[in-house]
PDB file of N, CA and C in Angstrom:
ATOM      1  N   MET A   1      51.559 135.718  85.109  1.00  0.00           N
ATOM      2  CA  MET A   1      50.839 136.177  84.057  1.00  0.00           C
ATOM      3  C   MET A   1      49.488 135.368  83.752  1.00  0.00           C
ATOM      4  N   VAL A   2      49.632 134.089  83.786  1.00  0.00           N
ATOM      5  CA  VAL A   2      48.387 133.263  83.535  1.00  0.00           C
ATOM      6  C   VAL A   2      47.392 133.484  84.660  1.00  0.00           C
ATOM      7  N   ARG A   3      47.933 133.764  85.831  1.00  0.00           N
ATOM      8  CA  ARG A   3      47.009 133.896  87.004  1.00  0.00           C
ATOM      9  C   ARG A   3      46.078 135.176  86.701  1.00  0.00           C
ATOM     10  N   ASN A   4      46.677 136.269  86.157  1.00  0.00           N
ATOM     11  CA  ASN A   4      45.826 137.426  85.885  1.00  0.00           C
ATOM     12  C   ASN A   4      44.781 137.117  84.820  1.00  0.00           C
ATOM     13  N   ASP A   5      45.177 136.357  83.795  1.00  0.00           N
ATOM     14  CA  ASP A   5      44.278 135.965  82.831  1.00  0.00           C
ATOM     15  C   ASP A   5      43.134 135.155  83.287  1.00  0.00           C
ATOM     16  N   LEU A   6      43.386 134.220  84.246  1.00  0.00           N
ATOM     17  CA  LEU A   6      42.356 133.347  84.799  1.00  0.00           C
ATOM     18  C   LEU A   6      41.422 134.272  85.688  1.00  0.00           C
ATOM     19  N   TYR A   7      41.995 135.185  86.279  1.00  0.00           N
ATOM     20  CA  TYR A   7      41.192 136.006  87.252  1.00  0.00           C
ATOM     21  C   TYR A   7      40.149 136.832  86.498  1.00  0.00           C
ATOM     22  N   PHE A   8      40.471 137.341  85.292  1.00  0.00           N
ATOM     23  CA  PHE A   8      39.537 138.153  84.550  1.00  0.00           C
ATOM     24  C   PHE A   8      38.644 137.423  83.562  1.00  0.00           C
ATOM     25  N   ILE A   9      38.792 136.146  83.425  1.00  0.00           N
ATOM     26  CA  ILE A   9      38.174 135.338  82.389  1.00  0.00           C
ATOM     27  C   ILE A   9      36.632 135.459  82.424  1.00  0.00           C
ATOM     28  N   ASP A  10      36.052 135.492  83.591  1.00  0.00           N
ATOM     29  CA  ASP A  10      34.566 135.576  83.679  1.00  0.00           C
ATOM     30  C   ASP A  10      34.015 137.021  83.702  1.00  0.00           C
ATOM     31  N   GLU A  11      34.874 137.956  83.496  1.00  0.00           N
ATOM     32  CA  GLU A  11      34.397 139.357  83.405  1.00  0.00           C
ATOM     33  C   GLU A  11      33.693 139.644  82.027  1.00  0.00           C
ATOM     34  N   SER A  12      32.757 140.529  82.093  1.00  0.00           N
ATOM     35  CA  SER A  12      32.093 140.796  80.819  1.00  0.00           C
ATOM     36  C   SER A  12      32.906 141.569  79.787  1.00  0.00           C
ATOM     37  N   ASP A  13      33.900 142.259  80.217  1.00  0.00           N
ATOM     38  CA  ASP A  13      34.784 143.070  79.421  1.00  0.00           C
ATOM     39  C   ASP A  13      36.200 142.369  79.221  1.00  0.00           C
ATOM     40  N   TYR A  14      36.141 141.050  79.267  1.00  0.00           N
ATOM     41  CA  TYR A  14      37.465 140.269  79.048  1.00  0.00           C
ATOM     42  C   TYR A  14      38.013 140.696  77.730  1.00  0.00           C
ATOM     43  N   ARG A  15      39.338 140.874  77.707  1.00  0.00           N
ATOM     44  CA  ARG A  15      40.039 141.287  76.529  1.00  0.00           C
ATOM     45  C   ARG A  15      41.012 140.229  76.068  1.00  0.00           C
ATOM     46  N   ASN A  16      41.139 140.055  74.792  1.00  0.00           N
ATOM     47  CA  ASN A  16      41.962 139.075  74.273  1.00  0.00           C
ATOM     48  C   ASN A  16      43.504 139.328  74.591  1.00  0.00           C
ATOM     49  N   GLU A  17      43.816 140.565  74.831  1.00  0.00           N
ATOM     50  CA  GLU A  17      45.214 140.887  75.099  1.00  0.00           C
ATOM     51  C   GLU A  17      45.745 140.166  76.260  1.00  0.00           C
ATOM     52  N   TYR A  18      44.911 139.694  77.146  1.00  0.00           N
ATOM     53  CA  TYR A  18      45.401 138.860  78.263  1.00  0.00           C
ATOM     54  C   TYR A  18      46.087 137.693  77.869  1.00  0.00           C
ATOM     55  N   PHE A  19      45.426 136.820  77.063  1.00  0.00           N
ATOM     56  CA  PHE A  19      46.052 135.633  76.641  1.00  0.00           C
ATOM     57  C   PHE A  19      47.066 135.858  75.482  1.00  0.00           C
ATOM     58  N   GLU A  20      46.836 136.954  74.644  1.00  0.00           N
ATOM     59  CA  GLU A  20      47.814 137.221  73.645  1.00  0.00           C
ATOM     60  C   GLU A  20      49.111 137.538  74.144  1.00  0.00           C
ATOM     61  N   CYS A  21      49.237 138.240  75.229  1.00  0.00           N
ATOM     62  CA  CYS A  21      50.519 138.561  75.888  1.00  0.00           C
ATOM     63  C   CYS A  21      51.243 137.270  76.358  1.00  0.00           C
ATOM     64  N   ILE A  22      50.503 136.395  76.841  1.00  0.00           N
ATOM     65  CA  ILE A  22      50.997 135.091  77.347  1.00  0.00           C
ATOM     66  C   ILE A  22      51.620 134.332  76.227  1.00  0.00           C
ATOM     67  N   ILE A  23      50.915 134.194  75.096  1.00  0.00           N
ATOM     68  CA  ILE A  23      51.412 133.512  73.963  1.00  0.00           C
ATOM     69  C   ILE A  23      52.614 134.098  73.377  1.00  0.00           C
ATOM     70  N   GLU A  24      52.614 135.546  73.230  1.00  0.00           N
ATOM     71  CA  GLU A  24      53.674 136.209  72.707  1.00  0.00           C
ATOM     72  C   GLU A  24      54.910 136.114  73.581  1.00  0.00           C
ATOM     73  N   ASP A  25      54.705 136.068  74.885  1.00  0.00           N
ATOM     74  CA  ASP A  25      55.847 135.943  75.737  1.00  0.00           C
ATOM     75  C   ASP A  25      56.516 134.550  75.590  1.00  0.00           C
ATOM     76  N   TYR A  26      55.749 133.471  75.424  1.00  0.00           N
ATOM     77  CA  TYR A  26      56.263 132.134  75.273  1.00  0.00           C
ATOM     78  C   TYR A  26      57.008 132.088  74.031  1.00  0.00           C
ATOM     79  N   LEU A  27      56.452 132.630  72.911  1.00  0.00           N
ATOM     80  CA  LEU A  27      57.091 132.574  71.575  1.00  0.00           C
ATOM     81  C   LEU A  27      58.400 133.392  71.670  1.00  0.00           C
ATOM     82  N   LEU A  28      58.420 134.474  72.282  1.00  0.00           N
ATOM     83  CA  LEU A  28      59.587 135.251  72.275  1.00  0.00           C
ATOM     84  C   LEU A  28      60.673 134.531  73.041  1.00  0.00           C
ATOM     85  N   ARG A  29      60.401 133.854  74.228  1.00  0.00           N
ATOM     86  CA  ARG A  29      61.398 133.060  74.925  1.00  0.00           C
ATOM     87  C   ARG A  29      61.805 131.829  74.146  1.00  0.00           C
ATOM     88  N   LEU A  30      60.949 131.268  73.340  1.00  0.00           N
ATOM     89  CA  LEU A  30      61.167 130.169  72.499  1.00  0.00           C
ATOM     90  C   LEU A  30      62.366 130.431  71.514  1.00  0.00           C
ATOM     91  N   LYS A  31      62.457 131.619  71.082  1.00  0.00           N
ATOM     92  CA  LYS A  31      63.505 132.037  70.090  1.00  0.00           C
ATOM     93  C   LYS A  31      64.844 131.861  70.739  1.00  0.00           C
ATOM     94  N   ASN A  32      64.979 132.047  72.016  1.00  0.00           N
ATOM     95  CA  ASN A  32      66.300 131.973  72.799  1.00  0.00           C
ATOM     96  C   ASN A  32      66.603 130.586  73.247  1.00  0.00           C
ATOM     97  N   MET A  33      65.842 129.610  73.013  1.00  0.00           N
ATOM     98  CA  MET A  33      66.159 128.184  73.446  1.00  0.00           C
ATOM     99  C   MET A  33      67.152 127.644  72.501  1.00  0.00           C
ATOM    100  N   ASP A  34      68.126 127.012  73.100  1.00  0.00           N
ATOM    101  CA  ASP A  34      69.255 126.411  72.297  1.00  0.00           C
ATOM    102  C   ASP A  34      69.064 124.979  71.940  1.00  0.00           C
ATOM    103  N   THR A  35      68.618 124.186  72.864  1.00  0.00           N
ATOM    104  CA  THR A  35      68.506 122.740  72.666  1.00  0.00           C
ATOM    105  C   THR A  35      67.041 122.321  72.394  1.00  0.00           C
ATOM    106  N   PRO A  36      66.893 121.207  71.652  1.00  0.00           N
ATOM    107  CA  PRO A  36      65.528 120.703  71.424  1.00  0.00           C
ATOM    108  C   PRO A  36      64.737 120.424  72.741  1.00  0.00           C
ATOM    109  N   LYS A  37      65.482 119.969  73.716  1.00  0.00           N
ATOM    110  CA  LYS A  37      64.832 119.679  75.062  1.00  0.00           C
ATOM    111  C   LYS A  37      64.206 120.999  75.602  1.00  0.00           C
ATOM    112  N   GLU A  38      65.022 122.055  75.543  1.00  0.00           N
ATOM    113  CA  GLU A  38      64.577 123.361  76.055  1.00  0.00           C
ATOM    114  C   GLU A  38      63.308 123.854  75.256  1.00  0.00           C
ATOM    115  N   ARG A  39      63.405 123.708  73.968  1.00  0.00           N
ATOM    116  CA  ARG A  39      62.277 124.206  73.159  1.00  0.00           C
ATOM    117  C   ARG A  39      61.020 123.328  73.414  1.00  0.00           C
ATOM    118  N   ARG A  40      61.239 122.020  73.556  1.00  0.00           N
ATOM    119  CA  ARG A  40      60.052 121.126  73.820  1.00  0.00           C
ATOM    120  C   ARG A  40      59.430 121.471  75.170  1.00  0.00           C
ATOM    121  N   LYS A  41      60.236 121.840  76.178  1.00  0.00           N
ATOM    122  CA  LYS A  41      59.692 122.242  77.536  1.00  0.00           C
ATOM    123  C   LYS A  41      58.925 123.511  77.373  1.00  0.00           C
ATOM    124  N   LYS A  42      59.484 124.460  76.618  1.00  0.00           N
ATOM    125  CA  LYS A  42      58.782 125.739  76.481  1.00  0.00           C
ATOM    126  C   LYS A  42      57.478 125.635  75.594  1.00  0.00           C
ATOM    127  N   LEU A  43      57.512 124.787  74.626  1.00  0.00           N
ATOM    128  CA  LEU A  43      56.249 124.525  73.908  1.00  0.00           C
ATOM    129  C   LEU A  43      55.197 123.787  74.725  1.00  0.00           C
ATOM    130  N   LEU A  44      55.626 122.938  75.610  1.00  0.00           N
ATOM    131  CA  LEU A  44      54.709 122.168  76.509  1.00  0.00           C
ATOM    132  C   LEU A  44      54.162 123.209  77.496  1.00  0.00           C
ATOM    133  N   GLY A  45      54.897 124.061  77.999  1.00  0.00           N
ATOM    134  CA  GLY A  45      54.420 125.130  78.887  1.00  0.00           C
ATOM    135  C   GLY A  45      53.410 126.051  78.200  1.00  0.00           C
ATOM    136  N   LEU A  46      53.646 126.395  76.923  1.00  0.00           N
ATOM    137  CA  LEU A  46      52.731 127.230  76.135  1.00  0.00           C
ATOM    138  C   LEU A  46      51.348 126.399  75.994  1.00  0.00           C
ATOM    139  N   TYR A  47      51.506 125.168  75.640  1.00  0.00           N
ATOM    140  CA  TYR A  47      50.294 124.350  75.372  1.00  0.00           C
ATOM    141  C   TYR A  47      49.438 124.217  76.697  1.00  0.00           C
ATOM    142  N   LEU A  48      50.105 123.982  77.791  1.00  0.00           N
ATOM    143  CA  LEU A  48      49.456 123.827  79.069  1.00  0.00           C
ATOM    144  C   LEU A  48      48.870 125.139  79.611  1.00  0.00           C
ATOM    145  N   ALA A  49      49.533 126.325  79.336  1.00  0.00           N
ATOM    146  CA  ALA A  49      48.982 127.573  79.731  1.00  0.00           C
ATOM    147  C   ALA A  49      47.641 127.861  78.942  1.00  0.00           C
ATOM    148  N   CYS A  50      47.735 127.590  77.690  1.00  0.00           N
ATOM    149  CA  CYS A  50      46.493 127.824  76.787  1.00  0.00           C
ATOM    150  C   CYS A  50      45.414 126.892  77.228  1.00  0.00           C
ATOM    151  N   GLN A  51      45.717 125.617  77.534  1.00  0.00           N
ATOM    152  CA  GLN A  51      44.706 124.655  77.936  1.00  0.00           C
ATOM    153  C   GLN A  51      44.105 125.089  79.282  1.00  0.00           C
ATOM    154  N   MET A  52      44.958 125.626  80.181  1.00  0.00           N
ATOM    155  CA  MET A  52      44.397 126.106  81.506  1.00  0.00           C
ATOM    156  C   MET A  52      43.438 127.262  81.300  1.00  0.00           C
ATOM    157  N   ILE A  53      43.751 128.174  80.452  1.00  0.00           N
ATOM    158  CA  ILE A  53      42.897 129.274  80.191  1.00  0.00           C
ATOM    159  C   ILE A  53      41.565 128.801  79.563  1.00  0.00           C
ATOM    160  N   ALA A  54      41.621 127.937  78.600  1.00  0.00           N
ATOM    161  CA  ALA A  54      40.473 127.450  77.909  1.00  0.00           C
ATOM    162  C   ALA A  54      39.569 126.618  78.845  1.00  0.00           C
ATOM    163  N   GLN A  55      40.207 125.774  79.708  1.00  0.00           N
ATOM    164  CA  GLN A  55      39.524 125.001  80.719  1.00  0.00           C
ATOM    165  C   GLN A  55      38.785 125.829  81.703  1.00  0.00           C
ATOM    166  N   TYR A  56      39.493 126.887  82.215  1.00  0.00           N
ATOM    167  CA  TYR A  56      38.914 127.689  83.261  1.00  0.00           C
ATOM    168  C   TYR A  56      37.720 128.525  82.610  1.00  0.00           C
ATOM    169  N   ALA A  57      37.853 128.939  81.366  1.00  0.00           N
ATOM    170  CA  ALA A  57      36.796 129.587  80.658  1.00  0.00           C
ATOM    171  C   ALA A  57      35.548 128.636  80.459  1.00  0.00           C
ATOM    172  N   ALA A  58      35.866 127.392  80.104  1.00  0.00           N
ATOM    173  CA  ALA A  58      34.766 126.440  79.993  1.00  0.00           C
ATOM    174  C   ALA A  58      34.026 126.194  81.284  1.00  0.00           C
ATOM    175  N   GLU A  59      34.805 126.144  82.360  1.00  0.00           N
ATOM    176  CA  GLU A  59      34.138 125.960  83.724  1.00  0.00           C
ATOM    177  C   GLU A  59      33.235 127.161  84.006  1.00  0.00           C
ATOM    178  N   ALA A  60      33.522 128.340  83.470  1.00  0.00           N
ATOM    179  CA  ALA A  60      32.802 129.514  83.678  1.00  0.00           C
ATOM    180  C   ALA A  60      31.627 129.534  82.617  1.00  0.00           C
ATOM    181  N   GLY A  61      31.568 128.589  81.733  1.00  0.00           N
ATOM    182  CA  GLY A  61      30.569 128.541  80.723  1.00  0.00           C
ATOM    183  C   GLY A  61      30.802 129.427  79.502  1.00  0.00           C
ATOM    184  N   ILE A  62      32.091 129.830  79.296  1.00  0.00           N
ATOM    185  CA  ILE A  62      32.451 130.749  78.238  1.00  0.00           C
ATOM    186  C   ILE A  62      33.382 129.988  77.213  1.00  0.00           C
ATOM    187  N   TYR A  63      32.807 129.173  76.477  1.00  0.00           N
ATOM    188  CA  TYR A  63      33.580 128.326  75.573  1.00  0.00           C
ATOM    189  C   TYR A  63      34.276 129.125  74.403  1.00  0.00           C
ATOM    190  N   LYS A  64      33.774 130.303  74.140  1.00  0.00           N
ATOM    191  CA  LYS A  64      34.285 131.123  73.072  1.00  0.00           C
ATOM    192  C   LYS A  64      35.772 131.526  73.314  1.00  0.00           C
ATOM    193  N   ILE A  65      36.083 131.691  74.621  1.00  0.00           N
ATOM    194  CA  ILE A  65      37.505 132.026  74.938  1.00  0.00           C
ATOM    195  C   ILE A  65      38.451 130.873  74.644  1.00  0.00           C
ATOM    196  N   GLY A  66      38.054 129.680  74.832  1.00  0.00           N
ATOM    197  CA  GLY A  66      38.852 128.557  74.508  1.00  0.00           C
ATOM    198  C   GLY A  66      39.156 128.497  72.998  1.00  0.00           C
ATOM    199  N   ILE A  67      38.114 128.864  72.230  1.00  0.00           N
ATOM    200  CA  ILE A  67      38.339 128.841  70.754  1.00  0.00           C
ATOM    201  C   ILE A  67      39.276 130.030  70.372  1.00  0.00           C
ATOM    202  N   MET A  68      39.043 131.214  70.980  1.00  0.00           N
ATOM    203  CA  MET A  68      39.895 132.306  70.620  1.00  0.00           C
ATOM    204  C   MET A  68      41.364 132.161  70.980  1.00  0.00           C
ATOM    205  N   VAL A  69      41.551 131.489  72.169  1.00  0.00           N
ATOM    206  CA  VAL A  69      42.959 131.233  72.634  1.00  0.00           C
ATOM    207  C   VAL A  69      43.622 130.253  71.646  1.00  0.00           C
ATOM    208  N   SER A  70      42.861 129.168  71.213  1.00  0.00           N
ATOM    209  CA  SER A  70      43.556 128.228  70.430  1.00  0.00           C
ATOM    210  C   SER A  70      43.707 128.702  68.995  1.00  0.00           C
ATOM    211  N   GLU A  71      42.821 129.511  68.444  1.00  0.00           N
ATOM    212  CA  GLU A  71      42.984 130.194  67.158  1.00  0.00           C
ATOM    213  C   GLU A  71      44.191 131.081  67.166  1.00  0.00           C
ATOM    214  N   TYR A  72      44.292 131.861  68.141  1.00  0.00           N
ATOM    215  CA  TYR A  72      45.423 132.838  68.175  1.00  0.00           C
ATOM    216  C   TYR A  72      46.725 132.026  68.349  1.00  0.00           C
ATOM    217  N   LEU A  73      46.762 130.973  69.108  1.00  0.00           N
ATOM    218  CA  LEU A  73      47.935 130.155  69.307  1.00  0.00           C
ATOM    219  C   LEU A  73      48.305 129.570  67.950  1.00  0.00           C
ATOM    220  N   ILE A  74      47.479 129.024  67.210  1.00  0.00           N
ATOM    221  CA  ILE A  74      47.669 128.345  65.921  1.00  0.00           C
ATOM    222  C   ILE A  74      48.294 129.384  64.962  1.00  0.00           C
ATOM    223  N   ILE A  75      47.656 130.589  64.817  1.00  0.00           N
ATOM    224  CA  ILE A  75      48.128 131.584  63.857  1.00  0.00           C
ATOM    225  C   ILE A  75      49.511 132.062  64.330  1.00  0.00           C
ATOM    226  N   ARG A  76      49.691 132.397  65.532  1.00  0.00           N
ATOM    227  CA  ARG A  76      50.997 132.878  65.993  1.00  0.00           C
ATOM    228  C   ARG A  76      52.108 131.873  65.857  1.00  0.00           C
ATOM    229  N   TYR A  77      51.809 130.596  66.170  1.00  0.00           N
ATOM    230  CA  TYR A  77      52.805 129.588  66.173  1.00  0.00           C
ATOM    231  C   TYR A  77      53.159 129.434  64.639  1.00  0.00           C
ATOM    232  N   TRP A  78      52.225 129.341  63.775  1.00  0.00           N
ATOM    233  CA  TRP A  78      52.559 129.207  62.282  1.00  0.00           C
ATOM    234  C   TRP A  78      53.339 130.337  61.882  1.00  0.00           C
ATOM    235  N   LYS A  79      53.108 131.557  62.235  1.00  0.00           N
ATOM    236  CA  LYS A  79      53.864 132.682  61.891  1.00  0.00           C
ATOM    237  C   LYS A  79      55.267 132.630  62.459  1.00  0.00           C
ATOM    238  N   TYR A  80      55.352 132.235  63.654  1.00  0.00           N
ATOM    239  CA  TYR A  80      56.721 131.981  64.307  1.00  0.00           C
ATOM    240  C   TYR A  80      57.560 130.923  63.493  1.00  0.00           C
ATOM    241  N   ARG A  81      56.940 129.933  63.106  1.00  0.00           N
ATOM    242  CA  ARG A  81      57.659 128.850  62.389  1.00  0.00           C
ATOM    243  C   ARG A  81      58.061 129.355  61.053  1.00  0.00           C
ATOM    244  N   LEU A  82      57.260 130.170  60.306  1.00  0.00           N
ATOM    245  CA  LEU A  82      57.601 130.643  59.076  1.00  0.00           C
ATOM    246  C   LEU A  82      58.787 131.709  59.154  1.00  0.00           C
ATOM    247  N   GLU A  83      58.734 132.502  60.249  1.00  0.00           N
ATOM    248  CA  GLU A  83      59.734 133.497  60.427  1.00  0.00           C
ATOM    249  C   GLU A  83      61.078 132.822  60.719  1.00  0.00           C
ATOM    250  N   ASN A  84      61.150 131.610  61.250  1.00  0.00           N
ATOM    251  CA  ASN A  84      62.375 130.941  61.640  1.00  0.00           C
ATOM    252  C   ASN A  84      62.707 129.887  60.462  1.00  0.00           C
ATOM    253  N   ASN A  85      62.013 129.977  59.372  1.00  0.00           N
ATOM    254  CA  ASN A  85      62.349 129.113  58.211  1.00  0.00           C
ATOM    255  C   ASN A  85      62.361 127.628  58.486  1.00  0.00           C
ATOM    256  N   LYS A  86      61.453 127.197  59.394  1.00  0.00           N
ATOM    257  CA  LYS A  86      61.397 125.743  59.685  1.00  0.00           C
ATOM    258  C   LYS A  86      59.946 125.273  59.776  1.00  0.00           C
ATOM    259  N   PRO A  87      59.101 125.640  58.760  1.00  0.00           N
ATOM    260  CA  PRO A  87      57.613 125.273  58.865  1.00  0.00           C
ATOM    261  C   PRO A  87      57.407 123.764  58.730  1.00  0.00           C
ATOM    262  N   GLY A  88      58.263 123.062  57.997  1.00  0.00           N
ATOM    263  CA  GLY A  88      57.991 121.694  57.754  1.00  0.00           C
ATOM    264  C   GLY A  88      58.722 120.616  58.636  1.00  0.00           C
ATOM    265  N   LYS A  89      59.576 121.146  59.580  1.00  0.00           N
ATOM    266  CA  LYS A  89      60.250 120.242  60.412  1.00  0.00           C
ATOM    267  C   LYS A  89      59.252 119.461  61.266  1.00  0.00           C
ATOM    268  N   LEU A  90      59.572 118.112  61.352  1.00  0.00           N
ATOM    269  CA  LEU A  90      58.614 117.134  61.964  1.00  0.00           C
ATOM    270  C   LEU A  90      58.171 117.532  63.331  1.00  0.00           C
ATOM    271  N   SER A  91      59.080 117.950  64.188  1.00  0.00           N
ATOM    272  CA  SER A  91      58.638 118.316  65.593  1.00  0.00           C
ATOM    273  C   SER A  91      57.716 119.492  65.605  1.00  0.00           C
ATOM    274  N   ASN A  92      57.957 120.479  64.658  1.00  0.00           N
ATOM    275  CA  ASN A  92      57.107 121.665  64.615  1.00  0.00           C
ATOM    276  C   ASN A  92      55.738 121.223  64.097  1.00  0.00           C
ATOM    277  N   VAL A  93      55.679 120.255  63.206  1.00  0.00           N
ATOM    278  CA  VAL A  93      54.326 119.888  62.665  1.00  0.00           C
ATOM    279  C   VAL A  93      53.561 119.184  63.818  1.00  0.00           C
ATOM    280  N   GLU A  94      54.270 118.352  64.574  1.00  0.00           N
ATOM    281  CA  GLU A  94      53.650 117.718  65.698  1.00  0.00           C
ATOM    282  C   GLU A  94      53.051 118.650  66.641  1.00  0.00           C
ATOM    283  N   TRP A  95      53.736 119.711  66.970  1.00  0.00           N
ATOM    284  CA  TRP A  95      53.160 120.672  67.887  1.00  0.00           C
ATOM    285  C   TRP A  95      51.991 121.460  67.252  1.00  0.00           C
ATOM    286  N   LEU A  96      52.027 121.632  65.932  1.00  0.00           N
ATOM    287  CA  LEU A  96      50.923 122.260  65.290  1.00  0.00           C
ATOM    288  C   LEU A  96      49.702 121.407  65.372  1.00  0.00           C
ATOM    289  N   HIS A  97      49.949 120.060  65.190  1.00  0.00           N
ATOM    290  CA  HIS A  97      48.808 119.139  65.274  1.00  0.00           C
ATOM    291  C   HIS A  97      48.149 119.212  66.668  1.00  0.00           C
ATOM    292  N   LYS A  98      48.998 119.274  67.694  1.00  0.00           N
ATOM    293  CA  LYS A  98      48.484 119.327  69.070  1.00  0.00           C
ATOM    294  C   LYS A  98      47.710 120.651  69.260  1.00  0.00           C
ATOM    295  N   PHE A  99      48.149 121.710  68.676  1.00  0.00           N
ATOM    296  CA  PHE A  99      47.408 122.967  68.815  1.00  0.00           C
ATOM    297  C   PHE A  99      46.081 122.905  68.065  1.00  0.00           C
ATOM    298  N   LEU A 100      46.112 122.331  66.891  1.00  0.00           N
ATOM    299  CA  LEU A 100      44.875 122.154  66.126  1.00  0.00           C
ATOM    300  C   LEU A 100      43.924 121.234  66.905  1.00  0.00           C
ATOM    301  N   ALA A 101      44.344 120.143  67.445  1.00  0.00           N
ATOM    302  CA  ALA A 101      43.450 119.272  68.255  1.00  0.00           C
ATOM    303  C   ALA A 101      42.874 120.056  69.451  1.00  0.00           C
ATOM    304  N   MET A 102      43.600 120.951  70.034  1.00  0.00           N
ATOM    305  CA  MET A 102      43.009 121.781  71.073  1.00  0.00           C
ATOM    306  C   MET A 102      41.925 122.674  70.547  1.00  0.00           C
ATOM    307  N   TYR A 103      42.134 123.307  69.367  1.00  0.00           N
ATOM    308  CA  TYR A 103      41.111 124.062  68.767  1.00  0.00           C
ATOM    309  C   TYR A 103      39.901 123.285  68.476  1.00  0.00           C
ATOM    310  N   GLU A 104      40.106 122.059  67.944  1.00  0.00           N
ATOM    311  CA  GLU A 104      38.923 121.250  67.572  1.00  0.00           C
ATOM    312  C   GLU A 104      38.128 120.868  68.816  1.00  0.00           C
ATOM    313  N   LYS A 105      38.859 120.551  69.941  1.00  0.00           N
ATOM    314  CA  LYS A 105      38.175 120.222  71.136  1.00  0.00           C
ATOM    315  C   LYS A 105      37.299 121.298  71.735  1.00  0.00           C
ATOM    316  N   TRP A 106      37.795 122.490  71.663  1.00  0.00           N
ATOM    317  CA  TRP A 106      36.958 123.656  72.113  1.00  0.00           C
ATOM    318  C   TRP A 106      35.852 124.037  71.182  1.00  0.00           C
ATOM    319  N   ASN A 107      36.209 123.817  69.844  1.00  0.00           N
ATOM    320  CA  ASN A 107      35.108 124.203  68.872  1.00  0.00           C
ATOM    321  C   ASN A 107      33.933 123.213  68.982  1.00  0.00           C
ATOM    322  N   GLN A 108      34.276 121.962  69.292  1.00  0.00           N
ATOM    323  CA  GLN A 108      33.146 120.931  69.447  1.00  0.00           C
ATOM    324  C   GLN A 108      32.248 121.197  70.574  1.00  0.00           C
ATOM    325  N   LYS A 109      32.797 121.937  71.639  1.00  0.00           N
ATOM    326  CA  LYS A 109      31.940 122.203  72.826  1.00  0.00           C
ATOM    327  C   LYS A 109      30.896 123.175  72.460  1.00  0.00           C
ATOM    328  N   ILE A 110      31.107 124.004  71.573  1.00  0.00           N
ATOM    329  CA  ILE A 110      30.050 124.990  71.161  1.00  0.00           C
ATOM    330  C   ILE A 110      28.993 124.348  70.350  1.00  0.00           C
ATOM    331  N   LEU A 111      29.400 123.339  69.447  1.00  0.00           N
ATOM    332  CA  LEU A 111      28.420 122.743  68.566  1.00  0.00           C
ATOM    333  C   LEU A 111      27.630 121.792  69.394  1.00  0.00           C
TER     334      LEU A 111
END
């Protein structure tokens, strides 16, 4: 799925639904994880997939996609945490900080 997203990234009609589907799929699979280790691995995969998309877009000179990916990730992750009644759990906050740092990184590229 990430491969398709990377393939279309430098197209003029690139649609957000490419990376949105990837994020939604990871979050859906995250709900079924039983152990903290499984959840951590799934969150790391989500983080790396979003970083790959943003990096590939940056190499194509399209920094806006990196910002859009990280913004969508932050919003959806926060919503996911609220739906699961664990917004303040320390490990969840740490992942939110990582996602926010990713957003800041790509936002600074535009400035």
